[in-house]
Amino acid sequence: MSLYEVGVPPFAFVQLLESQALDPDAVARFRNVMTREGTNEALLIQREVQAPLRWFREVYPELDVDQAILLGFAFAEQAQLTSFGPLSFPLVSAGSVAEIVELLTYLPLISTALSPQFYPSEHGLTIALTGHTSDPALDCLVVTYGGLAVLRLLDMLAGDVSTVRLHLTWPVPTFLTNHEDVLAGRLLFDSPMSFLHVPAETLSEVCRFSDPLAYRLAIVDLKRALDQRSGTTSFSEKVRRLLEEDHAGQRSRQSVADELSISTSTLKRRLFDEGTTFREVRESCLRERAMLRLLDRSISVSEIATDLGYSDITNFSHAFKRWTGRSPREFWHAQHDR
């Protein structure tokens, strides 16, 4: 098991294995894989090691999107307030829906398979969800699981928060074709991108077990843990984090290398060793940020192009079509004409 492998929270994974959600043969295959790699459920939890998502590909070699969504449902249904390691205590003590979703900032402490990007607007908060497994079906699994787990936690902690919706890019799976009212309309498919949307009025909804002091102290601990974790973070993740902090899109390869206290040639070599390049990481960040902003109907395409550092809308449109296969306006209409 590699230090940089993308995975899911160990406690959540163990709860899934011990539930009735998976068939016994699949559970046996998972345990065989763990035995081969010198670990087991107790060791995963003790060492706080992510359960690698490649295990799911090995146990389900024919995994497709439909099955990935089904597994995502099964995984999320087992989510408990104790499932998320260092995030569990602040989850319980959160005072509002806004504080619950703020905890997604610290997701890298328990899983590097899924990254959120936040976009606040006058309409509320939109959180893009992106998988980082390099496997489309596994990305589908982790995005479905992560999004549905947030909905489940919100219901546990803040009551019926039915205004929060999860949008997924994938088509409606066959096992749900006769259940169009799934989750009372809170789960929507065929979206231009995967995201959670929390309306502005819902962000202030009060949680059941609010403890402001405990929450603030927990956030301090999470920030410290995230800073300490930077020493074991992959270079591509470090670069991504710096680029995501740069809302104006002005950070260059040289400036990122300077901030990491390395040369540009070393940066290039480290990223190459992880199977990527600076350009690929940067374009991934720009693509996600552009798609997220296009969900906001109050911002024009030209404003988004300028905000992302493009000299004119034509250059931005060409880049966006290269990334997604459709123009910014086509993407905008695909979401807002639904």
Protein backbone atom coordinates (compact mmCIF):
# COMPACT_ATOMS: atom_id res chain seq x y z
CA MET A 1 0.00 0.00 0.00
CA SER A 2 1.49 3.29 -1.14
CA LEU A 3 1.46 6.42 1.02
CA TYR A 4 -0.13 8.40 -1.82
CA GLU A 5 -2.87 5.95 -2.77
CA VAL A 6 -6.34 7.42 -3.02
CA GLY A 7 -8.84 5.73 -0.78
CA VAL A 8 -11.81 5.99 1.54
CA PRO A 9 -11.93 6.54 5.33
CA PRO A 10 -10.87 3.35 7.12
CA PHE A 11 -13.69 3.36 9.70
CA ALA A 12 -16.31 3.87 6.98
CA PHE A 13 -14.80 1.04 4.95
CA VAL A 14 -14.85 -1.33 7.93
CA GLN A 15 -18.47 -0.40 8.69
CA LEU A 16 -19.34 -1.25 5.09
CA LEU A 17 -17.68 -4.67 5.35
CA GLU A 18 -19.48 -5.46 8.61
CA SER A 19 -22.89 -4.39 7.32
CA GLN A 20 -25.24 -6.46 5.21
CA ALA A 21 -24.80 -4.12 2.23
CA LEU A 22 -22.27 -6.32 0.39
CA ASP A 23 -22.69 -9.96 -0.48
CA PRO A 24 -20.54 -12.41 1.55
CA ASP A 25 -18.38 -13.33 -1.45
CA ALA A 26 -17.40 -9.69 -2.00
CA VAL A 27 -16.57 -9.26 1.69
CA ALA A 28 -14.42 -12.41 1.56
CA ARG A 29 -12.57 -11.08 -1.51
CA PHE A 30 -11.90 -7.75 0.23
CA ARG A 31 -10.47 -9.60 3.23
CA ASN A 32 -8.31 -11.77 0.98
CA VAL A 33 -6.87 -8.65 -0.64
CA MET A 34 -6.12 -7.14 2.78
CA THR A 35 -4.45 -10.34 3.98
CA ARG A 36 -2.26 -10.40 0.88
CA GLU A 37 -1.18 -6.82 1.59
CA GLY A 38 -0.48 -7.48 5.26
CA THR A 39 -3.37 -5.60 6.80
CA ASN A 40 -6.87 -6.10 8.19
CA GLU A 41 -9.77 -4.03 9.50
CA ALA A 42 -8.21 -3.43 12.92
CA LEU A 43 -4.89 -2.29 11.45
CA LEU A 44 -6.57 0.09 9.00
CA ILE A 45 -8.35 1.84 11.86
CA GLN A 46 -5.39 1.74 14.23
CA ARG A 47 -3.04 3.26 11.65
CA GLU A 48 -5.73 5.56 10.18
CA VAL A 49 -4.80 4.34 6.70
CA GLN A 50 -7.19 4.95 3.80
CA ALA A 51 -8.66 1.80 2.28
CA PRO A 52 -7.37 2.00 -1.33
CA LEU A 53 -10.11 2.34 -3.92
CA ARG A 54 -8.17 0.00 -6.24
CA TRP A 55 -9.41 -2.77 -3.94
CA PHE A 56 -12.91 -2.12 -5.30
CA ARG A 57 -11.65 -2.54 -8.86
CA GLU A 58 -10.00 -5.83 -7.87
CA VAL A 59 -13.07 -7.15 -6.07
CA TYR A 60 -15.39 -5.92 -8.85
CA PRO A 61 -13.28 -6.30 -12.03
CA GLU A 62 -16.27 -5.53 -14.28
CA LEU A 63 -17.26 -2.44 -12.31
CA ASP A 64 -19.24 0.02 -14.45
CA VAL A 65 -21.04 3.27 -13.67
CA ASP A 66 -24.34 1.62 -12.73
CA GLN A 67 -22.65 -0.71 -10.26
CA ALA A 68 -20.48 2.14 -8.97
CA ILE A 69 -23.58 4.20 -8.17
CA LEU A 70 -25.16 1.19 -6.45
CA LEU A 71 -22.01 0.75 -4.33
CA GLY A 72 -22.04 4.49 -3.61
CA PHE A 73 -25.59 4.15 -2.29
CA ALA A 74 -24.62 1.14 -0.17
CA PHE A 75 -21.57 2.93 1.21
CA ALA A 76 -23.48 6.11 2.09
CA GLU A 77 -26.28 4.21 3.79
CA GLN A 78 -23.75 2.94 6.34
CA ALA A 79 -22.42 6.43 7.13
CA GLN A 80 -22.56 7.19 10.84
CA LEU A 81 -21.38 10.15 12.88
CA THR A 82 -18.43 7.97 13.92
CA SER A 83 -17.39 7.07 10.37
CA PHE A 84 -15.07 9.96 9.60
CA GLY A 85 -12.16 9.84 12.02
CA PRO A 86 -10.95 13.32 13.03
CA LEU A 87 -13.99 14.92 11.35
CA SER A 88 -16.47 13.01 13.51
CA PHE A 89 -16.28 15.17 16.66
CA PRO A 90 -16.58 18.54 14.87
CA LEU A 91 -19.47 17.11 12.83
CA VAL A 92 -21.41 16.39 16.01
CA SER A 93 -20.61 19.78 17.57
CA ALA A 94 -21.34 21.87 14.42
CA GLY A 95 -23.84 24.65 15.01
CA SER A 96 -25.24 25.06 11.51
CA VAL A 97 -25.43 23.53 8.05
CA ALA A 98 -22.74 26.01 6.98
CA GLU A 99 -20.37 24.62 9.62
CA ILE A 100 -21.06 21.04 8.53
CA VAL A 101 -20.19 21.70 4.89
CA GLU A 102 -17.16 23.77 5.97
CA LEU A 103 -15.68 20.51 7.27
CA LEU A 104 -15.32 19.31 3.68
CA THR A 105 -12.27 21.60 3.61
CA TYR A 106 -10.55 19.01 5.79
CA LEU A 107 -11.53 16.02 3.67
CA PRO A 108 -7.86 15.31 2.73
CA LEU A 109 -7.31 14.17 6.32
CA ILE A 110 -9.51 11.12 5.73
CA SER A 111 -9.64 10.70 1.95
CA THR A 112 -7.64 11.97 -1.02
CA ALA A 113 -9.97 10.33 -3.53
CA LEU A 114 -12.44 13.21 -3.59
CA SER A 115 -11.85 16.94 -3.64
CA PRO A 116 -14.41 19.69 -3.10
CA GLN A 117 -14.34 23.17 -4.60
CA PHE A 118 -16.50 25.84 -2.98
CA TYR A 119 -18.34 28.61 -4.76
CA PRO A 120 -20.47 30.95 -2.63
CA SER A 121 -23.00 33.19 -4.34
CA GLU A 122 -26.12 35.14 -3.46
CA HIS A 123 -28.11 31.95 -4.12
CA GLY A 124 -26.17 29.85 -1.60
CA LEU A 125 -23.14 27.57 -1.68
CA THR A 126 -22.22 25.27 -4.55
CA ILE A 127 -19.66 22.53 -3.87
CA ALA A 128 -18.17 20.79 -6.89
CA LEU A 129 -17.15 17.17 -6.26
CA THR A 130 -14.27 15.70 -8.27
CA GLY A 131 -12.88 12.19 -8.05
CA HIS A 132 -9.12 11.61 -8.33
CA THR A 133 -8.83 7.87 -8.92
CA SER A 134 -7.89 7.93 -12.65
CA ASP A 135 -10.67 5.38 -13.12
CA PRO A 136 -14.07 6.72 -14.34
CA ALA A 137 -16.13 4.07 -12.52
CA LEU A 138 -14.22 4.54 -9.26
CA ASP A 139 -14.60 8.32 -9.60
CA CYS A 140 -18.33 7.71 -9.94
CA LEU A 141 -18.33 5.52 -6.83
CA VAL A 142 -16.47 8.01 -4.63
CA VAL A 143 -18.44 11.07 -5.83
CA THR A 144 -21.77 9.28 -5.32
CA TYR A 145 -20.71 8.02 -1.90
CA GLY A 146 -19.31 11.38 -0.79
CA GLY A 147 -22.31 13.40 -1.95
CA LEU A 148 -24.90 11.03 -0.50
CA ALA A 149 -22.97 10.77 2.78
CA VAL A 150 -23.18 14.56 3.15
CA LEU A 151 -26.95 14.45 2.58
CA ARG A 152 -27.26 11.69 5.20
CA LEU A 153 -25.15 13.59 7.74
CA LEU A 154 -27.16 16.77 7.20
CA ASP A 155 -30.38 14.88 7.90
CA MET A 156 -28.87 13.37 11.06
CA LEU A 157 -27.58 16.67 12.40
CA ALA A 158 -29.95 19.34 11.10
CA GLY A 159 -33.21 17.46 10.49
CA ASP A 160 -34.91 17.29 7.12
CA VAL A 161 -32.72 19.50 4.92
CA SER A 162 -34.56 18.58 1.73
CA THR A 163 -33.50 21.77 -0.05
CA VAL A 164 -29.91 20.47 -0.40
CA ARG A 165 -29.51 18.62 -3.70
CA LEU A 166 -26.85 16.39 -5.16
CA HIS A 167 -26.29 16.63 -8.92
CA LEU A 168 -24.39 13.82 -10.67
CA THR A 169 -22.96 13.83 -14.18
CA TRP A 170 -23.92 10.23 -14.87
CA PRO A 171 -27.19 8.96 -16.40
CA VAL A 172 -29.90 7.48 -14.19
CA PRO A 173 -28.73 3.92 -13.41
CA THR A 174 -30.96 1.06 -14.49
CA PHE A 175 -31.77 0.06 -10.91
CA LEU A 176 -33.37 3.50 -10.38
CA THR A 177 -35.31 3.88 -13.64
CA ASN A 178 -38.59 3.13 -11.87
CA HIS A 179 -37.77 5.34 -8.89
CA GLU A 180 -37.72 8.86 -10.29
CA ASP A 181 -38.68 10.22 -6.85
CA VAL A 182 -35.41 8.87 -5.41
CA LEU A 183 -34.45 10.78 -2.28
CA ALA A 184 -37.54 12.94 -2.77
CA GLY A 185 -35.97 14.75 -5.70
CA ARG A 186 -32.71 15.50 -3.89
CA LEU A 187 -30.63 13.43 -6.33
CA LEU A 188 -30.46 14.60 -9.95
CA PHE A 189 -28.64 12.87 -12.82
CA ASP A 190 -27.30 13.94 -16.23
CA SER A 191 -25.87 17.16 -14.80
CA PRO A 192 -23.02 18.95 -16.62
CA MET A 193 -20.88 18.35 -13.49
CA SER A 194 -21.22 16.73 -10.09
CA PHE A 195 -21.98 19.10 -7.23
CA LEU A 196 -23.94 19.76 -4.08
CA HIS A 197 -26.02 22.91 -3.83
CA VAL A 198 -27.02 24.38 -0.47
CA PRO A 199 -29.48 27.30 -0.74
CA ALA A 200 -28.55 30.48 1.15
CA GLU A 201 -31.42 30.18 3.62
CA THR A 202 -30.47 26.57 4.43
CA LEU A 203 -26.88 27.42 5.38
CA SER A 204 -28.12 29.02 8.61
CA GLU A 205 -30.25 26.03 9.65
CA VAL A 206 -29.34 25.10 13.24
CA CYS A 207 -27.96 21.67 14.15
CA ARG A 208 -29.26 19.47 16.95
CA PHE A 209 -26.09 19.10 19.03
CA SER A 210 -24.51 22.53 18.64
CA ASP A 211 -21.44 23.16 20.82
CA PRO A 212 -19.69 26.33 19.57
CA LEU A 213 -16.62 26.05 21.83
CA ALA A 214 -16.03 22.39 21.00
CA TYR A 215 -16.40 23.13 17.28
CA ARG A 216 -13.88 26.01 17.36
CA LEU A 217 -11.34 23.90 19.25
CA ALA A 218 -11.85 21.01 16.84
CA ILE A 219 -11.26 23.31 13.84
CA VAL A 220 -7.94 24.43 15.37
CA ASP A 221 -6.90 20.78 15.67
CA LEU A 222 -7.98 20.04 12.10
CA LYS A 223 -5.99 22.99 10.73
CA ARG A 224 -2.92 21.81 12.63
CA ALA A 225 -3.36 18.25 11.35
CA LEU A 226 -3.78 19.46 7.77
CA ASP A 227 -0.58 21.52 8.04
CA GLN A 228 1.32 18.53 9.45
CA ARG A 229 -0.01 16.31 6.71
CA SER A 230 1.62 18.49 4.05
CA GLY A 231 4.88 16.60 4.62
CA THR A 232 3.26 13.39 3.36
CA THR A 233 1.22 14.96 0.59
CA SER A 234 1.94 14.14 -3.05
CA PHE A 235 3.48 16.93 -5.13
CA SER A 236 0.53 17.02 -7.49
CA GLU A 237 -1.79 17.60 -4.54
CA LYS A 238 0.45 20.38 -3.21
CA VAL A 239 0.45 22.05 -6.61
CA ARG A 240 -3.31 21.65 -6.92
CA ARG A 241 -3.86 23.23 -3.52
CA LEU A 242 -1.72 26.26 -4.40
CA LEU A 243 -3.52 26.70 -7.72
CA GLU A 244 -6.94 26.39 -6.10
CA GLU A 245 -6.00 29.17 -3.68
CA ASP A 246 -5.17 31.40 -6.67
CA HIS A 247 -8.63 32.61 -7.64
CA ALA A 248 -7.24 35.02 -10.23
CA GLY A 249 -5.41 32.25 -12.09
CA GLN A 250 -2.10 34.10 -12.00
CA ARG A 251 0.23 31.51 -10.46
CA SER A 252 2.87 30.33 -12.93
CA ARG A 253 5.08 27.26 -12.87
CA GLN A 254 7.91 29.42 -11.55
CA SER A 255 5.85 30.98 -8.75
CA VAL A 256 4.56 27.57 -7.63
CA ALA A 257 8.10 26.16 -7.63
CA ASP A 258 9.26 29.16 -5.58
CA GLU A 259 6.48 28.62 -3.03
CA LEU A 260 7.49 24.97 -2.72
CA SER A 261 11.17 26.01 -2.40
CA ILE A 262 12.30 23.90 -5.35
CA SER A 263 13.48 24.57 -8.90
CA THR A 264 11.11 24.33 -11.87
CA SER A 265 13.07 21.32 -13.16
CA THR A 266 12.60 19.53 -9.82
CA LEU A 267 8.89 20.39 -9.89
CA LYS A 268 8.63 18.97 -13.40
CA ARG A 269 10.43 15.77 -12.37
CA ARG A 270 8.34 15.26 -9.23
CA LEU A 271 5.08 15.69 -11.15
CA PHE A 272 6.33 13.39 -13.92
CA ASP A 273 7.04 10.72 -11.29
CA GLU A 274 3.40 11.01 -10.21
CA GLY A 275 2.17 10.66 -13.79
CA THR A 276 1.18 14.25 -14.49
CA THR A 277 2.48 17.69 -15.53
CA PHE A 278 2.06 21.23 -14.27
CA ARG A 279 -0.08 22.08 -17.28
CA GLU A 280 -2.40 19.13 -16.65
CA VAL A 281 -2.88 20.02 -12.98
CA ARG A 282 -3.41 23.70 -13.81
CA GLU A 283 -5.94 22.98 -16.58
CA SER A 284 -7.79 20.57 -14.31
CA CYS A 285 -8.14 23.35 -11.71
CA LEU A 286 -9.22 25.90 -14.32
CA ARG A 287 -11.76 23.48 -15.81
CA GLU A 288 -13.34 22.73 -12.44
CA ARG A 289 -13.41 26.41 -11.46
CA ALA A 290 -14.93 27.43 -14.80
CA MET A 291 -17.63 24.75 -14.62
CA LEU A 292 -18.45 25.72 -11.06
CA ARG A 293 -18.85 29.40 -11.91
CA LEU A 294 -20.98 28.62 -14.94
CA LEU A 295 -23.54 27.15 -12.53
CA ASP A 296 -24.15 30.69 -11.26
CA ARG A 297 -26.63 32.33 -13.61
CA SER A 298 -25.81 35.81 -12.27
CA ILE A 299 -22.32 35.81 -13.86
CA SER A 300 -21.71 36.24 -17.57
CA VAL A 301 -19.33 34.07 -19.58
CA SER A 302 -17.12 37.08 -20.29
CA GLU A 303 -16.82 37.85 -16.57
CA ILE A 304 -15.80 34.26 -15.87
CA ALA A 305 -13.18 34.38 -18.64
CA THR A 306 -11.69 37.53 -17.12
CA ASP A 307 -11.76 36.11 -13.58
CA LEU A 308 -9.86 33.03 -14.74
CA GLY A 309 -7.13 35.11 -16.35
CA TYR A 310 -8.10 34.82 -20.03
CA SER A 311 -7.44 37.85 -22.21
CA ASP A 312 -10.70 37.44 -24.12
CA ILE A 313 -13.80 35.28 -24.23
CA THR A 314 -12.72 33.54 -27.45
CA ASN A 315 -9.60 32.04 -25.87
CA PHE A 316 -11.62 30.93 -22.87
CA SER A 317 -14.33 29.38 -25.06
CA HIS A 318 -11.77 27.43 -27.09
CA ALA A 319 -10.10 26.14 -23.92
CA PHE A 320 -13.42 25.20 -22.32
CA LYS A 321 -14.57 23.33 -25.43
CA ARG A 322 -11.27 21.43 -25.48
CA TRP A 323 -11.80 20.43 -21.85
CA THR A 324 -15.48 19.49 -21.96
CA GLY A 325 -16.50 19.05 -25.61
CA ARG A 326 -19.02 21.88 -25.40
CA SER A 327 -18.92 25.67 -25.36
CA PRO A 328 -19.41 27.63 -22.11
CA ARG A 329 -22.86 28.76 -23.29
CA GLU A 330 -23.88 25.18 -24.14
CA PHE A 331 -22.74 24.08 -20.69
CA TRP A 332 -24.66 26.95 -19.06
CA HIS A 333 -27.88 26.09 -20.91
CA ALA A 334 -27.50 22.37 -20.16
CA GLN A 335 -27.71 23.19 -16.45
CA HIS A 336 -30.19 26.09 -16.36
CA ASP A 337 -32.68 24.68 -18.88
CA ARG A 338 -33.24 21.58 -16.75
